[in-house]
């Protein structure tokens, strides 16, 4: 009787233990699954970060390459412009010489036919050179009567300003200046009118008085 009672009392405990065993296995499987999911999520996030980093590197490389191409094109254009401007400046020297020739050979009313022919020939060449410069968008700079502009004019002297004229106005041009497009090809050499005329150029500072030795 005693043994039967003990077996009856132990039966519910065994049943409870046998029911708890499958539940603990399910919980363990669930925990493993959660850890695997967390690892996969972390791996996916890392891969996404690497892909974004590689994309950013690619975009930077493309931008750097595009900037390098633009710089190369600009450098080539600048070199071509400098080369063409050097040639145009040489042509301006020819223009200066032709202008001086026309000035010094100004014809008298009784000039001979030979002198007239020479003068007309020089004048024709002068006009052709000016037409050629105009096709290259080279134009003279306005100077006389204009306010002195340090970006376009180079002052070589100062004189007393004419009556009624504003101070700082160009009163004489000693060498014609030219523009090439929007750039100064050669500044105009000018004489500037001032209320206190002197030998100092507006573009040059006065030298300090060092006194007598």
C-alpha atoms as a PDB file:
ATOM      1  CA  UNK A   1       0.000   0.000   0.000  1.00  0.00           C
ATOM      2  CA  UNK A   2       2.784   2.340   0.902  1.00  0.00           C
ATOM      3  CA  UNK A   3       4.559   1.750  -2.424  1.00  0.00           C
ATOM      4  CA  UNK A   4       1.398   2.440  -4.376  1.00  0.00           C
ATOM      5  CA  UNK A   5       0.889   5.702  -2.532  1.00  0.00           C
ATOM      6  CA  UNK A   6       4.481   6.797  -3.250  1.00  0.00           C
ATOM      7  CA  UNK A   7       4.094   5.962  -6.928  1.00  0.00           C
ATOM      8  CA  UNK A   8       0.869   7.930  -7.102  1.00  0.00           C
ATOM      9  CA  UNK A   9       2.524  10.939  -5.459  1.00  0.00           C
ATOM     10  CA  UNK A  10       5.567  10.823  -7.837  1.00  0.00           C
ATOM     11  CA  UNK A  11       3.483  10.511 -11.018  1.00  0.00           C
ATOM     12  CA  UNK A  12       2.356  14.180 -11.242  1.00  0.00           C
ATOM     13  CA  UNK A  13       5.944  15.378 -10.681  1.00  0.00           C
ATOM     14  CA  UNK A  14       7.255  13.171 -13.486  1.00  0.00           C
ATOM     15  CA  UNK A  15       4.508  14.396 -15.791  1.00  0.00           C
ATOM     16  CA  UNK A  16       5.415  18.016 -14.997  1.00  0.00           C
ATOM     17  CA  UNK A  17       9.095  17.348 -15.691  1.00  0.00           C
ATOM     18  CA  UNK A  18       8.300  15.610 -18.981  1.00  0.00           C
ATOM     19  CA  UNK A  19       6.095  18.568 -20.039  1.00  0.00           C
ATOM     20  CA  UNK A  20       8.773  21.136 -19.130  1.00  0.00           C
ATOM     21  CA  UNK A  21      11.499  19.423 -21.211  1.00  0.00           C
ATOM     22  CA  UNK A  22       9.985  20.224 -24.678  1.00  0.00           C
ATOM     23  CA  UNK A  23       9.295  23.822 -23.585  1.00  0.00           C
ATOM     24  CA  UNK A  24      12.959  24.420 -22.644  1.00  0.00           C
ATOM     25  CA  UNK A  25      14.094  22.996 -26.010  1.00  0.00           C
ATOM     26  CA  UNK A  26      11.729  25.352 -27.883  1.00  0.00           C
ATOM     27  CA  UNK A  27      13.063  28.300 -25.904  1.00  0.00           C
ATOM     28  CA  UNK A  28      16.630  27.272 -26.711  1.00  0.00           C
ATOM     29  CA  UNK A  29      15.823  27.020 -30.424  1.00  0.00           C
ATOM     30  CA  UNK A  30      14.165  30.424 -30.297  1.00  0.00           C
ATOM     31  CA  UNK A  31      17.218  31.968 -28.618  1.00  0.00           C
ATOM     32  CA  UNK A  32      19.525  30.449 -31.233  1.00  0.00           C
ATOM     33  CA  UNK A  33      17.305  31.754 -33.998  1.00  0.00           C
ATOM     34  CA  UNK A  34      17.321  35.236 -32.465  1.00  0.00           C
ATOM     35  CA  UNK A  35      21.117  35.248 -32.234  1.00  0.00           C
ATOM     36  CA  UNK A  36      21.429  34.122 -35.852  1.00  0.00           C
ATOM     37  CA  UNK A  37      18.993  36.843 -36.944  1.00  0.00           C
ATOM     38  CA  UNK A  38      20.966  39.472 -35.030  1.00  0.00           C
ATOM     39  CA  UNK A  39      24.194  38.277 -36.673  1.00  0.00           C
ATOM     40  CA  UNK A  40      22.607  38.357 -40.128  1.00  0.00           C
ATOM     41  CA  UNK A  41      21.207  41.838 -39.486  1.00  0.00           C
ATOM     42  CA  UNK A  42      24.609  43.090 -38.331  1.00  0.00           C
ATOM     43  CA  UNK A  43      26.277  41.497 -41.355  1.00  0.00           C
ATOM     44  CA  UNK A  44      23.726  43.076 -43.700  1.00  0.00           C
ATOM     45  CA  UNK A  45      24.296  46.490 -42.080  1.00  0.00           C
ATOM     46  CA  UNK A  46      28.067  46.092 -42.470  1.00  0.00           C
ATOM     47  CA  UNK A  47      27.708  45.123 -46.127  1.00  0.00           C
ATOM     48  CA  UNK A  48      25.416  48.091 -46.706  1.00  0.00           C
ATOM     49  CA  UNK A  49      27.974  50.386 -45.069  1.00  0.00           C
ATOM     50  CA  UNK A  50      30.750  48.988 -47.278  1.00  0.00           C
ATOM     51  CA  UNK A  51      28.629  49.413 -50.402  1.00  0.00           C
ATOM     52  CA  UNK A  52      27.858  53.037 -49.474  1.00  0.00           C
ATOM     53  CA  UNK A  53      31.538  53.710 -48.805  1.00  0.00           C
ATOM     54  CA  UNK A  54      32.527  52.219 -52.164  1.00  0.00           C
ATOM     55  CA  UNK A  55      29.804  54.294 -53.860  1.00  0.00           C
ATOM     56  CA  UNK A  56      31.102  57.476 -52.235  1.00  0.00           C
ATOM     57  CA  UNK A  57      34.665  56.635 -53.286  1.00  0.00           C
ATOM     58  CA  UNK A  58      33.490  56.062 -56.844  1.00  0.00           C
ATOM     59  CA  UNK A  59      31.624  59.372 -56.925  1.00  0.00           C
ATOM     60  CA  UNK A  60      34.672  61.201 -55.547  1.00  0.00           C
ATOM     61  CA  UNK A  61      36.908  59.544 -58.128  1.00  0.00           C
ATOM     62  CA  UNK A  62      34.527  60.547 -60.938  1.00  0.00           C
ATOM     63  CA  UNK A  63      34.384  64.123 -59.627  1.00  0.00           C
ATOM     64  CA  UNK A  64      38.187  64.290 -59.316  1.00  0.00           C
ATOM     65  CA  UNK A  65      38.585  62.996 -62.855  1.00  0.00           C
ATOM     66  CA  UNK A  66      36.061  65.514 -64.173  1.00  0.00           C
ATOM     67  CA  UNK A  67      37.840  68.362 -62.361  1.00  0.00           C
ATOM     68  CA  UNK A  68      41.184  67.173 -63.741  1.00  0.00           C
ATOM     69  CA  UNK A  69      39.778  67.222 -67.281  1.00  0.00           C
ATOM     70  CA  UNK A  70      38.395  70.729 -66.734  1.00  0.00           C
ATOM     71  CA  UNK A  71      41.745  71.943 -65.367  1.00  0.00           C
ATOM     72  CA  UNK A  72      43.573  70.395 -68.299  1.00  0.00           C
ATOM     73  CA  UNK A  73      41.229  72.043 -70.808  1.00  0.00           C
ATOM     74  CA  UNK A  74      41.587  75.387 -69.021  1.00  0.00           C
ATOM     75  CA  UNK A  75      45.378  75.102 -68.948  1.00  0.00           C
ATOM     76  CA  UNK A  76      45.430  74.313 -72.665  1.00  0.00           C
ATOM     77  CA  UNK A  77      43.122  77.251 -73.401  1.00  0.00           C
ATOM     78  CA  UNK A  78      45.272  79.573 -71.260  1.00  0.00           C
ATOM     79  CA  UNK A  79      48.444  78.396 -72.999  1.00  0.00           C
ATOM     80  CA  UNK A  80      46.870  78.957 -76.416  1.00  0.00           C
ATOM     81  CA  UNK A  81      45.657  82.399 -75.327  1.00  0.00           C
ATOM     82  CA  UNK A  82      49.082  83.383 -74.015  1.00  0.00           C
ATOM     83  CA  UNK A  83      50.690  82.180 -77.236  1.00  0.00           C
ATOM     84  CA  UNK A  84      48.248  84.099 -79.406  1.00  0.00           C
ATOM     85  CA  UNK A  85      48.640  87.243 -77.285  1.00  0.00           C
ATOM     86  CA  UNK A  86      52.415  87.091 -77.646  1.00  0.00           C
ATOM     87  CA  UNK A  87      51.986  87.095 -81.425  1.00  0.00           C
ATOM     88  CA  UNK A  88      49.431  89.914 -81.236  1.00  0.00           C
ATOM     89  CA  UNK A  89      51.801  92.028 -79.120  1.00  0.00           C
ATOM     90  CA  UNK A  90      54.481  91.563 -81.753  1.00  0.00           C
ATOM     91  CA  UNK A  91      51.973  92.783 -84.341  1.00  0.00           C
ATOM     92  CA  UNK A  92      51.307  95.864 -82.210  1.00  0.00           C
ATOM     93  CA  UNK A  93      54.980  96.755 -82.585  1.00  0.00           C
ATOM     94  CA  UNK A  94      54.482  96.683 -86.361  1.00  0.00           C
ATOM     95  CA  UNK A  95      51.434  98.945 -85.951  1.00  0.00           C
ATOM     96  CA  UNK A  96      53.496 101.393 -83.875  1.00  0.00           C
ATOM     97  CA  UNK A  97      56.190 101.518 -86.549  1.00  0.00           C
ATOM     98  CA  UNK A  98      53.641 102.075 -89.310  1.00  0.00           C
ATOM     99  CA  UNK A  99      52.009 104.891 -87.356  1.00  0.00           C
ATOM    100  CA  UNK A 100      55.384 106.555 -86.809  1.00  0.00           C
ATOM    101  CA  UNK A 101      56.182 106.157 -90.515  1.00  0.00           C
ATOM    102  CA  UNK A 102      52.891 107.793 -91.496  1.00  0.00           C
ATOM    103  CA  UNK A 103      53.486 110.596 -89.007  1.00  0.00           C
ATOM    104  CA  UNK A 104      57.039 111.348 -90.131  1.00  0.00           C
ATOM    105  CA  UNK A 105      56.219 111.104 -93.833  1.00  0.00           C
ATOM    106  CA  UNK A 106      53.182 113.328 -93.677  1.00  0.00           C
ATOM    107  CA  UNK A 107      52.884 114.678 -97.217  1.00  0.00           C
ATOM    108  CA  UNK A 108      53.253 118.285 -98.177  1.00  0.00           C
ATOM    109  CA  UNK A 109      50.782 119.762-100.686  1.00  0.00           C
ATOM    110  CA  UNK A 110      53.477 119.750-103.379  1.00  0.00           C
ATOM    111  CA  UNK A 111      54.671 116.186-102.749  1.00  0.00           C
ATOM    112  CA  UNK A 112      55.939 114.258-105.730  1.00  0.00           C
ATOM    113  CA  UNK A 113      53.968 111.350-107.211  1.00  0.00           C
ATOM    114  CA  UNK A 114      56.653 108.950-105.948  1.00  0.00           C
ATOM    115  CA  UNK A 115      56.323 110.241-102.363  1.00  0.00           C
ATOM    116  CA  UNK A 116      52.528 110.022-102.641  1.00  0.00           C
ATOM    117  CA  UNK A 117      52.792 106.415-103.832  1.00  0.00           C
ATOM    118  CA  UNK A 118      55.044 105.474-100.884  1.00  0.00           C
ATOM    119  CA  UNK A 119      52.723 107.175 -98.418  1.00  0.00           C
ATOM    120  CA  UNK A 120      49.655 105.459 -99.862  1.00  0.00           C
ATOM    121  CA  UNK A 121      51.404 102.078 -99.755  1.00  0.00           C
ATOM    122  CA  UNK A 122      52.352 102.450 -96.086  1.00  0.00           C
ATOM    123  CA  UNK A 123      48.823 103.603 -95.263  1.00  0.00           C
ATOM    124  CA  UNK A 124      47.335 100.599 -97.072  1.00  0.00           C
ATOM    125  CA  UNK A 125      49.528  98.178 -95.110  1.00  0.00           C
ATOM    126  CA  UNK A 126      48.607  99.966 -91.881  1.00  0.00           C
ATOM    127  CA  UNK A 127      44.892  99.556 -92.584  1.00  0.00           C
ATOM    128  CA  UNK A 128      45.309  95.886 -93.481  1.00  0.00           C
ATOM    129  CA  UNK A 129      47.118  95.191 -90.214  1.00  0.00           C
ATOM    130  CA  UNK A 130      44.381  96.978 -88.250  1.00  0.00           C
ATOM    131  CA  UNK A 131      41.725  94.921 -90.071  1.00  0.00           C
ATOM    132  CA  UNK A 132      43.605  91.745 -89.203  1.00  0.00           C
ATOM    133  CA  UNK A 133      43.784  92.742 -85.532  1.00  0.00           C
ATOM    134  CA  UNK A 134      40.060  93.562 -85.544  1.00  0.00           C
ATOM    135  CA  UNK A 135      39.295  90.044 -86.793  1.00  0.00           C
ATOM    136  CA  UNK A 136      41.193  88.778 -83.742  1.00  0.00           C
ATOM    137  CA  UNK A 137      38.985  91.005 -81.555  1.00  0.00           C
ATOM    138  CA  UNK A 138      41.836  93.416 -80.809  1.00  0.00           C
ATOM    139  CA  UNK A 139      40.515  96.932 -80.229  1.00  0.00           C
ATOM    140  CA  UNK A 140      42.151 100.208 -79.146  1.00  0.00           C
ATOM    141  CA  UNK A 141      41.667 101.408 -75.585  1.00  0.00           C
ATOM    142  CA  UNK A 142      40.034 104.812 -75.186  1.00  0.00           C
ATOM    143  CA  UNK A 143      42.415 107.031 -73.258  1.00  0.00           C
ATOM    144  CA  UNK A 144      42.374 110.780 -73.962  1.00  0.00           C
ATOM    145  CA  UNK A 145      39.554 112.471 -72.064  1.00  0.00           C
ATOM    146  CA  UNK A 146      38.938 109.384 -69.903  1.00  0.00           C
ATOM    147  CA  UNK A 147      39.465 109.140 -66.177  1.00  0.00           C
ATOM    148  CA  UNK A 148      42.782 107.455 -65.423  1.00  0.00           C
ATOM    149  CA  UNK A 149      42.216 103.701 -64.988  1.00  0.00           C
ATOM    150  CA  UNK A 150      45.148 101.810 -63.526  1.00  0.00           C
ATOM    151  CA  UNK A 151      43.883  98.564 -65.081  1.00  0.00           C
ATOM    152  CA  UNK A 152      44.023 100.003 -68.626  1.00  0.00           C
ATOM    153  CA  UNK A 153      46.347 102.998 -68.498  1.00  0.00           C
ATOM    154  CA  UNK A 154      50.014 103.335 -67.619  1.00  0.00           C
ATOM    155  CA  UNK A 155      50.888 106.878 -66.525  1.00  0.00           C
ATOM    156  CA  UNK A 156      54.260 108.098 -67.769  1.00  0.00           C
ATOM    157  CA  UNK A 157      53.951 111.702 -66.583  1.00  0.00           C
ATOM    158  CA  UNK A 158      51.727 114.302 -64.937  1.00  0.00           C
ATOM    159  CA  UNK A 159      50.947 117.781 -66.199  1.00  0.00           C
ATOM    160  CA  UNK A 160      48.770 120.617 -65.012  1.00  0.00           C
ATOM    161  CA  UNK A 161      45.166 119.810 -65.812  1.00  0.00           C
ATOM    162  CA  UNK A 162      43.605 122.090 -68.449  1.00  0.00           C
ATOM    163  CA  UNK A 163      41.157 124.710 -67.150  1.00  0.00           C
ATOM    164  CA  UNK A 164      37.793 123.154 -66.431  1.00  0.00           C
ATOM    165  CA  UNK A 165      39.122 119.592 -66.691  1.00  0.00           C
ATOM    166  CA  UNK A 166      38.753 117.134 -63.853  1.00  0.00           C
ATOM    167  CA  UNK A 167      41.829 115.989 -62.016  1.00  0.00           C
ATOM    168  CA  UNK A 168      43.051 112.550 -63.002  1.00  0.00           C
ATOM    169  CA  UNK A 169      41.816 112.769 -66.581  1.00  0.00           C
ATOM    170  CA  UNK A 170      44.113 111.552 -69.363  1.00  0.00           C
ATOM    171  CA  UNK A 171      45.240 114.579 -71.406  1.00  0.00           C
ATOM    172  CA  UNK A 172      47.671 112.866 -73.783  1.00  0.00           C
ATOM    173  CA  UNK A 173      48.434 109.392 -75.108  1.00  0.00           C
ATOM    174  CA  UNK A 174      52.067 108.581 -75.876  1.00  0.00           C
ATOM    175  CA  UNK A 175      51.433 104.960 -76.899  1.00  0.00           C
ATOM    176  CA  UNK A 176      48.116 103.441 -77.859  1.00  0.00           C
ATOM    177  CA  UNK A 177      46.825 100.565 -75.766  1.00  0.00           C
ATOM    178  CA  UNK A 178      44.747  97.608 -76.945  1.00  0.00           C
ATOM    179  CA  UNK A 179      42.237  95.114 -75.561  1.00  0.00           C
ATOM    180  CA  UNK A 180      41.974  91.495 -76.658  1.00  0.00           C
ATOM    181  CA  UNK A 181      38.435  90.444 -75.879  1.00  0.00           C
ATOM    182  CA  UNK A 182      37.994  91.368 -72.222  1.00  0.00           C
ATOM    183  CA  UNK A 183      41.711  91.305 -71.419  1.00  0.00           C
ATOM    184  CA  UNK A 184      44.238  94.116 -71.596  1.00  0.00           C
ATOM    185  CA  UNK A 185      46.682  93.188 -74.325  1.00  0.00           C
ATOM    186  CA  UNK A 186      48.771  96.311 -73.790  1.00  0.00           C
ATOM    187  CA  UNK A 187      47.951  99.281 -71.529  1.00  0.00           C
ATOM    188  CA  UNK A 188      47.882 102.787 -72.944  1.00  0.00           C
ATOM    189  CA  UNK A 189      50.848 104.955 -71.969  1.00  0.00           C
ATOM    190  CA  UNK A 190      49.346 108.279 -70.983  1.00  0.00           C
ATOM    191  CA  UNK A 191      49.942 111.687 -69.458  1.00  0.00           C
ATOM    192  CA  UNK A 192      47.554 112.536 -66.631  1.00  0.00           C
ATOM    193  CA  UNK A 193      46.285 115.979 -65.692  1.00  0.00           C
ATOM    194  CA  UNK A 194      46.573 116.980 -62.041  1.00  0.00           C
ATOM    195  CA  UNK A 195      46.279 120.065 -59.877  1.00  0.00           C
ATOM    196  CA  UNK A 196      49.821 119.545 -58.591  1.00  0.00           C
ATOM    197  CA  UNK A 197      51.833 118.649 -61.664  1.00  0.00           C
ATOM    198  CA  UNK A 198      55.142 116.934 -61.090  1.00  0.00           C
ATOM    199  CA  UNK A 199      57.418 114.265 -62.374  1.00  0.00           C
ATOM    200  CA  UNK A 200      55.965 111.416 -60.332  1.00  0.00           C
ATOM    201  CA  UNK A 201      53.759 108.927 -62.146  1.00  0.00           C
ATOM    202  CA  UNK A 202      50.415 108.062 -60.468  1.00  0.00           C
ATOM    203  CA  UNK A 203      51.395 104.401 -60.771  1.00  0.00           C
ATOM    204  CA  UNK A 204      54.739 104.869 -58.991  1.00  0.00           C
ATOM    205  CA  UNK A 205      55.167 105.832 -55.319  1.00  0.00           C
ATOM    206  CA  UNK A 206      57.312 108.816 -54.431  1.00  0.00           C
ATOM    207  CA  UNK A 207      60.794 107.934 -53.283  1.00  0.00           C
ATOM    208  CA  UNK A 208      61.539 108.904 -49.674  1.00  0.00           C
ATOM    209  CA  UNK A 209      63.845 111.860 -49.091  1.00  0.00           C
ATOM    210  CA  UNK A 210      67.127 110.344 -47.992  1.00  0.00           C
ATOM    211  CA  UNK A 211      68.810 113.736 -47.411  1.00  0.00           C
ATOM    212  CA  UNK A 212      72.259 114.836 -48.381  1.00  0.00           C
ATOM    213  CA  UNK A 213      75.256 112.730 -47.613  1.00  0.00           C
END
